[in-house]
Amino acid sequence: MLNVGSKAPDFTLTDREGRAVSLSDFRGKKVVIYFYPKDNTPGCTRQACAFAGAYAAFRERNVEVIGISRDSTASHQRFAEKYSLPFILLSDPERTAIEAYDVWQEKKLYGKVSWGIVRSTFIVDEEGMITAVMPKVKPDTNAAEVLSALDAGK
């Protein structure tokens, strides 16, 4: 996983509208990037809804929120519409950003080993540097923890 003080890897992925979005598009602005396993699953839905509920607080701080998973743009569109998600969702089926941020990892569940996205969040500052790394976050508390980190100046 990347470390605080590292340059955030740039990426260009497709949003739910089919538009190309790059991290470099947000230079001069803080960005929260959260990686999650799958649209419309219980944990991912709770996490997305928590970010949506706190979105006004992120906007007040001039912070952009970006969620990234391997789901298709069509899946992101349905997910965003169903839960009124106001922030950017990016599709990464080739795992370009997922692997660049080292969140594609071996996971163990009930003794079974598989590979997948480890739910993780990064805060990137105005110059593109990582100021906070939050690995293995909890879906229900992630948005509040990110706001606390932003308020603490991370």
N, C-alpha and C. Protein backbone atom coordinates (compact mmCIF):
# COMPACT_ATOMS: atom_id res chain seq x y z
N MET A 1 0.85 -1.18 0.00
CA MET A 1 0.00 0.00 0.00
C MET A 1 0.89 1.24 0.00
N LEU A 2 0.41 2.28 -0.61
CA LEU A 2 1.16 3.54 -0.68
C LEU A 2 1.25 4.18 0.69
N ASN A 3 2.23 5.05 0.86
CA ASN A 3 2.47 5.69 2.15
C ASN A 3 2.15 7.18 2.11
N VAL A 4 1.91 7.74 3.29
CA VAL A 4 1.76 9.18 3.43
C VAL A 4 3.06 9.82 2.95
N GLY A 5 2.93 10.89 2.18
CA GLY A 5 4.08 11.60 1.64
C GLY A 5 4.45 11.15 0.24
N SER A 6 3.83 10.05 -0.24
CA SER A 6 4.07 9.58 -1.61
C SER A 6 3.25 10.41 -2.59
N LYS A 7 3.73 10.50 -3.81
CA LYS A 7 2.94 11.13 -4.86
C LYS A 7 1.82 10.17 -5.22
N ALA A 8 0.60 10.68 -5.30
CA ALA A 8 -0.55 9.84 -5.65
C ALA A 8 -0.45 9.46 -7.12
N PRO A 9 -0.51 8.18 -7.44
CA PRO A 9 -0.47 7.79 -8.86
C PRO A 9 -1.64 8.39 -9.63
N ASP A 10 -1.33 9.02 -10.75
CA ASP A 10 -2.40 9.58 -11.59
C ASP A 10 -3.10 8.44 -12.31
N PHE A 11 -4.32 8.64 -12.68
CA PHE A 11 -5.09 7.65 -13.42
C PHE A 11 -6.10 8.38 -14.28
N THR A 12 -6.57 7.71 -15.29
CA THR A 12 -7.69 8.19 -16.10
C THR A 12 -8.64 7.02 -16.24
N LEU A 13 -9.84 7.19 -15.68
CA LEU A 13 -10.87 6.15 -15.70
C LEU A 13 -12.17 6.76 -16.18
N THR A 14 -13.14 5.91 -16.44
CA THR A 14 -14.43 6.37 -16.96
C THR A 14 -15.45 6.49 -15.83
N ASP A 15 -16.20 7.62 -15.83
CA ASP A 15 -17.25 7.79 -14.83
C ASP A 15 -18.56 7.17 -15.32
N ARG A 16 -19.58 7.29 -14.50
CA ARG A 16 -20.87 6.66 -14.81
C ARG A 16 -21.55 7.23 -16.05
N GLU A 17 -21.10 8.41 -16.49
CA GLU A 17 -21.65 9.04 -17.69
C GLU A 17 -20.83 8.68 -18.93
N GLY A 18 -19.73 7.94 -18.74
CA GLY A 18 -18.88 7.57 -19.86
C GLY A 18 -17.77 8.57 -20.15
N ARG A 19 -17.61 9.57 -19.27
CA ARG A 19 -16.56 10.59 -19.45
C ARG A 19 -15.26 10.13 -18.79
N ALA A 20 -14.14 10.49 -19.42
CA ALA A 20 -12.83 10.19 -18.85
C ALA A 20 -12.54 11.20 -17.73
N VAL A 21 -12.12 10.68 -16.58
CA VAL A 21 -11.78 11.51 -15.43
C VAL A 21 -10.39 11.11 -14.97
N SER A 22 -9.53 12.12 -14.80
CA SER A 22 -8.16 11.88 -14.32
C SER A 22 -7.99 12.52 -12.95
N LEU A 23 -7.15 11.92 -12.13
CA LEU A 23 -6.85 12.53 -10.84
C LEU A 23 -6.24 13.91 -11.05
N SER A 24 -5.42 14.06 -12.08
CA SER A 24 -4.78 15.35 -12.34
C SER A 24 -5.78 16.46 -12.66
N ASP A 25 -7.02 16.11 -13.02
CA ASP A 25 -8.07 17.11 -13.26
C ASP A 25 -8.37 17.92 -12.00
N PHE A 26 -8.02 17.37 -10.84
CA PHE A 26 -8.38 17.99 -9.56
C PHE A 26 -7.20 18.67 -8.88
N ARG A 27 -6.10 18.88 -9.62
CA ARG A 27 -4.94 19.55 -9.05
C ARG A 27 -5.41 20.90 -8.52
N GLY A 28 -4.92 21.26 -7.32
CA GLY A 28 -5.35 22.50 -6.69
C GLY A 28 -6.51 22.29 -5.73
N LYS A 29 -6.95 21.04 -5.60
CA LYS A 29 -8.09 20.71 -4.76
C LYS A 29 -7.77 19.41 -4.02
N LYS A 30 -8.23 19.29 -2.78
CA LYS A 30 -8.07 18.02 -2.07
C LYS A 30 -9.05 16.99 -2.64
N VAL A 31 -8.61 15.74 -2.65
CA VAL A 31 -9.43 14.66 -3.18
C VAL A 31 -9.41 13.48 -2.22
N VAL A 32 -10.57 12.93 -1.96
CA VAL A 32 -10.70 11.67 -1.22
C VAL A 32 -10.97 10.59 -2.25
N ILE A 33 -10.10 9.58 -2.28
CA ILE A 33 -10.29 8.45 -3.19
C ILE A 33 -10.59 7.24 -2.32
N TYR A 34 -11.76 6.65 -2.51
CA TYR A 34 -12.03 5.43 -1.76
C TYR A 34 -12.28 4.28 -2.73
N PHE A 35 -11.63 3.17 -2.43
CA PHE A 35 -11.75 1.95 -3.23
C PHE A 35 -12.69 1.01 -2.50
N TYR A 36 -13.62 0.43 -3.24
CA TYR A 36 -14.59 -0.46 -2.63
C TYR A 36 -14.82 -1.67 -3.54
N PRO A 37 -15.24 -2.81 -2.97
CA PRO A 37 -15.34 -4.04 -3.76
C PRO A 37 -16.42 -4.08 -4.83
N LYS A 38 -17.68 -3.70 -4.51
CA LYS A 38 -18.73 -3.95 -5.48
C LYS A 38 -19.98 -3.11 -5.22
N ASP A 39 -20.53 -2.54 -6.29
CA ASP A 39 -21.79 -1.79 -6.19
C ASP A 39 -22.90 -2.68 -5.63
N ASN A 40 -23.82 -2.06 -4.91
CA ASN A 40 -25.05 -2.71 -4.46
C ASN A 40 -24.85 -3.89 -3.52
N THR A 41 -23.69 -3.98 -2.87
CA THR A 41 -23.53 -4.97 -1.81
C THR A 41 -23.74 -4.24 -0.49
N PRO A 42 -24.09 -4.96 0.58
CA PRO A 42 -24.46 -4.26 1.82
C PRO A 42 -23.40 -3.28 2.34
N GLY A 43 -22.16 -3.73 2.48
CA GLY A 43 -21.13 -2.83 3.02
C GLY A 43 -20.83 -1.67 2.11
N CYS A 44 -20.74 -1.94 0.82
CA CYS A 44 -20.43 -0.87 -0.14
C CYS A 44 -21.56 0.14 -0.23
N THR A 45 -22.78 -0.32 -0.10
CA THR A 45 -23.93 0.59 -0.12
C THR A 45 -23.91 1.48 1.12
N ARG A 46 -23.64 0.89 2.29
CA ARG A 46 -23.56 1.70 3.52
C ARG A 46 -22.45 2.73 3.42
N GLN A 47 -21.30 2.33 2.88
CA GLN A 47 -20.17 3.26 2.74
C GLN A 47 -20.53 4.40 1.78
N ALA A 48 -21.10 4.07 0.63
CA ALA A 48 -21.47 5.09 -0.35
C ALA A 48 -22.52 6.04 0.22
N CYS A 49 -23.50 5.49 0.92
CA CYS A 49 -24.55 6.34 1.51
C CYS A 49 -23.99 7.24 2.60
N ALA A 50 -22.99 6.76 3.34
CA ALA A 50 -22.35 7.60 4.36
C ALA A 50 -21.61 8.76 3.70
N PHE A 51 -20.90 8.48 2.60
CA PHE A 51 -20.23 9.56 1.87
C PHE A 51 -21.27 10.52 1.29
N ALA A 52 -22.37 10.00 0.79
CA ALA A 52 -23.42 10.86 0.24
C ALA A 52 -24.02 11.74 1.33
N GLY A 53 -24.25 11.16 2.50
CA GLY A 53 -24.81 11.93 3.61
C GLY A 53 -23.89 13.03 4.10
N ALA A 54 -22.60 12.80 3.96
CA ALA A 54 -21.61 13.78 4.41
C ALA A 54 -21.10 14.66 3.26
N TYR A 55 -21.66 14.50 2.07
CA TYR A 55 -21.12 15.17 0.89
C TYR A 55 -21.10 16.70 1.03
N ALA A 56 -22.12 17.28 1.65
CA ALA A 56 -22.14 18.73 1.84
C ALA A 56 -20.95 19.18 2.68
N ALA A 57 -20.58 18.39 3.67
CA ALA A 57 -19.43 18.73 4.52
C ALA A 57 -18.13 18.65 3.72
N PHE A 58 -18.04 17.70 2.80
CA PHE A 58 -16.85 17.63 1.93
C PHE A 58 -16.81 18.85 1.01
N ARG A 59 -17.94 19.22 0.45
CA ARG A 59 -17.99 20.37 -0.45
C ARG A 59 -17.63 21.66 0.29
N GLU A 60 -18.09 21.80 1.54
CA GLU A 60 -17.76 22.98 2.34
C GLU A 60 -16.25 23.11 2.53
N ARG A 61 -15.55 21.97 2.54
CA ARG A 61 -14.09 21.95 2.71
C ARG A 61 -13.37 21.98 1.36
N ASN A 62 -14.13 22.14 0.26
CA ASN A 62 -13.59 22.15 -1.10
C ASN A 62 -12.85 20.84 -1.41
N VAL A 63 -13.45 19.72 -1.01
CA VAL A 63 -12.87 18.40 -1.21
C VAL A 63 -13.76 17.60 -2.15
N GLU A 64 -13.14 16.97 -3.15
CA GLU A 64 -13.87 16.11 -4.08
C GLU A 64 -13.80 14.67 -3.58
N VAL A 65 -14.87 13.92 -3.73
CA VAL A 65 -14.93 12.52 -3.34
C VAL A 65 -15.04 11.67 -4.60
N ILE A 66 -14.18 10.64 -4.67
CA ILE A 66 -14.19 9.73 -5.81
C ILE A 66 -14.21 8.29 -5.28
N GLY A 67 -15.20 7.52 -5.72
CA GLY A 67 -15.27 6.11 -5.40
C GLY A 67 -14.84 5.30 -6.61
N ILE A 68 -14.02 4.26 -6.38
CA ILE A 68 -13.51 3.44 -7.48
C ILE A 68 -13.74 1.96 -7.18
N SER A 69 -14.28 1.25 -8.17
CA SER A 69 -14.41 -0.21 -8.10
C SER A 69 -14.24 -0.77 -9.50
N ARG A 70 -14.30 -2.09 -9.61
CA ARG A 70 -14.17 -2.74 -10.92
C ARG A 70 -15.49 -2.76 -11.67
N ASP A 71 -16.58 -2.31 -11.05
CA ASP A 71 -17.89 -2.35 -11.69
C ASP A 71 -17.93 -1.52 -12.97
N SER A 72 -18.86 -1.88 -13.85
CA SER A 72 -19.02 -1.17 -15.12
C SER A 72 -19.63 0.22 -14.90
N THR A 73 -19.52 1.05 -15.92
CA THR A 73 -20.14 2.38 -15.85
C THR A 73 -21.65 2.25 -15.71
N ALA A 74 -22.25 1.27 -16.38
CA ALA A 74 -23.70 1.07 -16.28
C ALA A 74 -24.09 0.68 -14.85
N SER A 75 -23.28 -0.16 -14.21
CA SER A 75 -23.54 -0.54 -12.83
C SER A 75 -23.43 0.68 -11.92
N HIS A 76 -22.41 1.50 -12.14
CA HIS A 76 -22.25 2.72 -11.35
C HIS A 76 -23.44 3.66 -11.55
N GLN A 77 -23.93 3.75 -12.77
CA GLN A 77 -25.08 4.62 -13.05
C GLN A 77 -26.30 4.17 -12.25
N ARG A 78 -26.58 2.88 -12.29
CA ARG A 78 -27.73 2.34 -11.53
C ARG A 78 -27.54 2.54 -10.02
N PHE A 79 -26.34 2.27 -9.54
CA PHE A 79 -26.01 2.41 -8.12
C PHE A 79 -26.20 3.86 -7.67
N ALA A 80 -25.67 4.78 -8.45
CA ALA A 80 -25.77 6.21 -8.12
C ALA A 80 -27.22 6.69 -8.14
N GLU A 81 -27.97 6.25 -9.13
CA GLU A 81 -29.38 6.66 -9.21
C GLU A 81 -30.20 6.08 -8.06
N LYS A 82 -29.98 4.81 -7.77
CA LYS A 82 -30.74 4.14 -6.72
C LYS A 82 -30.56 4.80 -5.36
N TYR A 83 -29.32 5.25 -5.07
CA TYR A 83 -29.02 5.80 -3.75
C TYR A 83 -28.73 7.30 -3.77
N SER A 84 -29.01 7.98 -4.88
CA SER A 84 -28.79 9.43 -5.02
C SER A 84 -27.37 9.82 -4.61
N LEU A 85 -26.40 9.15 -5.19
CA LEU A 85 -25.00 9.43 -4.86
C LEU A 85 -24.53 10.64 -5.67
N PRO A 86 -24.12 11.71 -4.98
CA PRO A 86 -23.76 12.96 -5.68
C PRO A 86 -22.30 13.05 -6.12
N PHE A 87 -21.48 12.10 -5.73
CA PHE A 87 -20.05 12.19 -6.00
C PHE A 87 -19.67 11.31 -7.19
N ILE A 88 -18.41 11.37 -7.57
CA ILE A 88 -17.90 10.66 -8.75
C ILE A 88 -17.66 9.19 -8.44
N LEU A 89 -18.15 8.32 -9.32
CA LEU A 89 -17.85 6.89 -9.27
C LEU A 89 -17.10 6.55 -10.55
N LEU A 90 -15.95 5.89 -10.40
CA LEU A 90 -15.14 5.54 -11.56
C LEU A 90 -15.05 4.03 -11.72
N SER A 91 -15.08 3.61 -12.97
CA SER A 91 -15.00 2.20 -13.32
C SER A 91 -13.56 1.83 -13.65
N ASP A 92 -13.06 0.77 -12.99
CA ASP A 92 -11.67 0.34 -13.20
C ASP A 92 -11.62 -1.18 -13.44
N PRO A 93 -12.24 -1.65 -14.54
CA PRO A 93 -12.28 -3.10 -14.79
C PRO A 93 -10.90 -3.71 -15.04
N GLU A 94 -9.96 -2.91 -15.53
CA GLU A 94 -8.61 -3.42 -15.80
C GLU A 94 -7.71 -3.31 -14.56
N ARG A 95 -8.24 -2.78 -13.48
CA ARG A 95 -7.54 -2.62 -12.19
C ARG A 95 -6.34 -1.67 -12.28
N THR A 96 -6.39 -0.70 -13.17
CA THR A 96 -5.28 0.24 -13.35
C THR A 96 -5.00 1.01 -12.06
N ALA A 97 -5.97 1.75 -11.56
CA ALA A 97 -5.80 2.51 -10.32
C ALA A 97 -5.77 1.57 -9.12
N ILE A 98 -6.59 0.55 -9.16
CA ILE A 98 -6.67 -0.41 -8.05
C ILE A 98 -5.29 -0.99 -7.75
N GLU A 99 -4.56 -1.38 -8.79
CA GLU A 99 -3.22 -1.94 -8.59
C GLU A 99 -2.20 -0.84 -8.31
N ALA A 100 -2.34 0.33 -8.92
CA ALA A 100 -1.41 1.43 -8.66
C ALA A 100 -1.44 1.85 -7.19
N TYR A 101 -2.61 1.75 -6.57
CA TYR A 101 -2.77 2.11 -5.16
C TYR A 101 -2.60 0.90 -4.25
N ASP A 102 -2.27 -0.25 -4.83
CA ASP A 102 -1.98 -1.48 -4.11
C ASP A 102 -3.12 -1.92 -3.19
N VAL A 103 -4.35 -1.81 -3.68
CA VAL A 103 -5.49 -2.27 -2.89
C VAL A 103 -6.07 -3.59 -3.41
N TRP A 104 -5.45 -4.15 -4.48
CA TRP A 104 -5.82 -5.48 -4.98
C TRP A 104 -4.95 -6.47 -4.21
N GLN A 105 -5.55 -7.16 -3.25
CA GLN A 105 -4.78 -7.98 -2.34
C GLN A 105 -5.47 -9.32 -2.08
N GLU A 106 -4.68 -10.21 -1.51
CA GLU A 106 -5.22 -11.50 -1.09
C GLU A 106 -6.10 -11.27 0.13
N LYS A 107 -7.27 -11.90 0.09
CA LYS A 107 -8.22 -11.76 1.19
C LYS A 107 -8.60 -13.15 1.68
N LYS A 108 -8.88 -13.23 2.97
CA LYS A 108 -9.31 -14.51 3.55
C LYS A 108 -10.66 -14.31 4.21
N LEU A 109 -11.59 -15.19 3.88
CA LEU A 109 -12.92 -15.14 4.47
C LEU A 109 -13.37 -16.56 4.75
N TYR A 110 -13.62 -16.85 6.01
CA TYR A 110 -14.04 -18.18 6.43
C TYR A 110 -13.08 -19.26 5.93
N GLY A 111 -11.79 -18.97 5.99
CA GLY A 111 -10.77 -19.92 5.59
C GLY A 111 -10.52 -20.00 4.10
N LYS A 112 -11.33 -19.31 3.31
CA LYS A 112 -11.17 -19.31 1.85
C LYS A 112 -10.31 -18.12 1.44
N VAL A 113 -9.34 -18.37 0.57
CA VAL A 113 -8.44 -17.32 0.10
C VAL A 113 -8.85 -16.90 -1.31
N SER A 114 -8.95 -15.60 -1.51
CA SER A 114 -9.27 -15.07 -2.84
C SER A 114 -8.57 -13.72 -2.99
N TRP A 115 -8.62 -13.17 -4.19
CA TRP A 115 -8.06 -11.85 -4.46
C TRP A 115 -9.20 -10.87 -4.68
N GLY A 116 -9.03 -9.65 -4.17
CA GLY A 116 -10.05 -8.63 -4.37
C GLY A 116 -9.59 -7.29 -3.85
N ILE A 117 -10.49 -6.33 -3.94
CA ILE A 117 -10.21 -4.98 -3.46
C ILE A 117 -10.34 -4.95 -1.94
N VAL A 118 -9.29 -4.47 -1.29
CA VAL A 118 -9.35 -4.23 0.15
C VAL A 118 -9.87 -2.81 0.31
N ARG A 119 -11.00 -2.68 0.99
CA ARG A 119 -11.66 -1.38 1.17
C ARG A 119 -10.67 -0.41 1.81
N SER A 120 -10.25 0.60 1.06
CA SER A 120 -9.21 1.53 1.51
C SER A 120 -9.52 2.94 1.02
N THR A 121 -9.03 3.92 1.77
CA THR A 121 -9.28 5.32 1.43
C THR A 121 -7.98 6.12 1.51
N PHE A 122 -7.83 7.04 0.57
CA PHE A 122 -6.65 7.90 0.50
C PHE A 122 -7.12 9.34 0.43
N ILE A 123 -6.40 10.23 1.12
CA ILE A 123 -6.62 11.66 0.99
C ILE A 123 -5.41 12.21 0.23
N VAL A 124 -5.71 12.95 -0.84
CA VAL A 124 -4.67 13.52 -1.70
C VAL A 124 -4.79 15.04 -1.61
N ASP A 125 -3.65 15.71 -1.38
CA ASP A 125 -3.69 17.17 -1.23
C ASP A 125 -3.69 17.88 -2.58
N GLU A 126 -3.68 19.20 -2.52
CA GLU A 126 -3.78 20.04 -3.71
C GLU A 126 -2.62 19.85 -4.69
N GLU A 127 -1.49 19.37 -4.20
CA GLU A 127 -0.32 19.15 -5.06
C GLU A 127 -0.20 17.70 -5.54
N GLY A 128 -1.17 16.86 -5.18
CA GLY A 128 -1.14 15.47 -5.62
C GLY A 128 -0.36 14.54 -4.72
N MET A 129 -0.13 14.95 -3.49
CA MET A 129 0.59 14.11 -2.53
C MET A 129 -0.41 13.45 -1.58
N ILE A 130 -0.11 12.21 -1.20
CA ILE A 130 -0.98 11.48 -0.27
C ILE A 130 -0.72 11.99 1.14
N THR A 131 -1.79 12.45 1.80
CA THR A 131 -1.65 12.96 3.16
C THR A 131 -2.25 12.02 4.20
N ALA A 132 -3.07 11.05 3.77
CA ALA A 132 -3.61 10.07 4.70
C ALA A 132 -3.91 8.78 3.94
N VAL A 133 -3.60 7.66 4.59
CA VAL A 133 -3.88 6.32 4.06
C VAL A 133 -4.69 5.59 5.11
N MET A 134 -5.85 5.09 4.70
CA MET A 134 -6.72 4.38 5.61
C MET A 134 -7.02 2.99 5.03
N PRO A 135 -6.24 1.98 5.43
CA PRO A 135 -6.47 0.63 4.91
C PRO A 135 -7.56 -0.09 5.70
N LYS A 136 -8.23 -1.01 5.04
CA LYS A 136 -9.23 -1.88 5.69
C LYS A 136 -10.23 -1.09 6.52
N VAL A 137 -10.82 -0.07 5.91
CA VAL A 137 -11.76 0.80 6.62
C VAL A 137 -13.11 0.10 6.83
N LYS A 138 -13.85 0.61 7.78
CA LYS A 138 -15.20 0.12 8.06
C LYS A 138 -16.19 0.96 7.24
N PRO A 139 -17.12 0.33 6.55
CA PRO A 139 -18.03 1.08 5.68
C PRO A 139 -18.86 2.15 6.41
N ASP A 140 -19.28 1.85 7.64
CA ASP A 140 -20.18 2.77 8.34
C ASP A 140 -19.48 4.00 8.89
N THR A 141 -18.19 3.92 9.15
CA THR A 141 -17.49 5.02 9.81
C THR A 141 -16.46 5.72 8.93
N ASN A 142 -16.23 5.21 7.72
CA ASN A 142 -15.18 5.74 6.86
C ASN A 142 -15.35 7.23 6.55
N ALA A 143 -16.54 7.65 6.15
CA ALA A 143 -16.76 9.06 5.78
C ALA A 143 -16.47 9.99 6.96
N ALA A 144 -16.94 9.63 8.15
CA ALA A 144 -16.71 10.45 9.34
C ALA A 144 -15.23 10.49 9.69
N GLU A 145 -14.52 9.37 9.54
CA GLU A 145 -13.09 9.33 9.81
C GLU A 145 -12.32 10.22 8.83
N VAL A 146 -12.75 10.23 7.59
CA VAL A 146 -12.10 11.07 6.59
C VAL A 146 -12.30 12.55 6.93
N LEU A 147 -13.52 12.92 7.31
CA LEU A 147 -13.77 14.31 7.70
C LEU A 147 -12.91 14.71 8.90
N SER A 148 -12.78 13.80 9.87
CA SER A 148 -11.93 14.09 11.03
C SER A 148 -10.49 14.28 10.61
N ALA A 149 -10.00 13.43 9.71
CA ALA A 149 -8.63 13.55 9.23
C ALA A 149 -8.43 14.87 8.48
N LEU A 150 -9.41 15.25 7.68
CA LEU A 150 -9.32 16.53 6.95
C LEU A 150 -9.27 17.70 7.94
N ASP A 151 -10.10 17.63 8.97
CA ASP A 151 -10.13 18.71 9.96
C ASP A 151 -8.85 18.76 10.79
N ALA A 152 -8.17 17.61 10.92
CA ALA A 152 -6.91 17.56 11.65
C ALA A 152 -5.73 17.99 10.77
N GLY A 153 -6.04 18.29 9.50
CA GLY A 153 -5.01 18.79 8.60
C GLY A 153 -4.21 17.72 7.89
N LYS A 154 -4.74 16.52 7.80
CA LYS A 154 -4.01 15.43 7.13
C LYS A 154 -4.28 15.44 5.66
